[in-house]
Amino acid sequence: MLIKNKLFISIFLTLLILVSSCGKFKPASTKDVPTNAMERARKNVSEGRGASVGNFLKRKGTNYEFSTSNPMWRASLEILDFLPLSVVDYSGGVIITDWYNDEANSKNSLKITLRFLSNEIMTNSLKIIVHERSCSAGINCSIKILNSDIQKELLTTIIKKAAVLELESKTK
């Protein structure tokens, strides 16, 4: 019986030490903490230390970002409007076309990726990658990055168009 009591007391003291050492007790001043429970709850929620049911039930609207003020974006879309687009993400700064080929050369297809690095109208604000897919009999396809004049022509055309769009927007 004595061993059981000693074991119980030692476990109790160990738990007491563990629980009491979790943190320092900080007494709260009544000036800082409201005494009314509802006011205290509102203060905690407003400070971000709590949650309210009202916040969960409220519908949050979608944050739409429109690209009408970005001439580089508008110019890129106008230049690439003849191509089928697979990804157009303004907030991510990416335009990716679908595979495109002309009827004269149906074995080779092109895919263009535009990455917007900044909103300024400069040549280093836009990264253009052109992929070429070559297929033989529609079965064996190989894809490679094409380093040709297409990138340079696209970049110059987009920069010129963006400059014209920006000039038009300033004159309005």
Foldseek 3Di string as FASTA:
>chain_A
DVVVVVVVVVVVVVVVVVVVPPDDDDDDDCVVAPPDPVVNQVVCVVVVNDDDPVVVPDDDDDDDDDCPVQLLLVLLCVVCVVFAWDDDDVVQQKTKTDWDDDPVDPQKTKIKMWHAQDSDLDLVRIDIWIKMWGHDPPPDIDIDTDDDCVRVVSSVSSSVRSVVSVVVVVVD
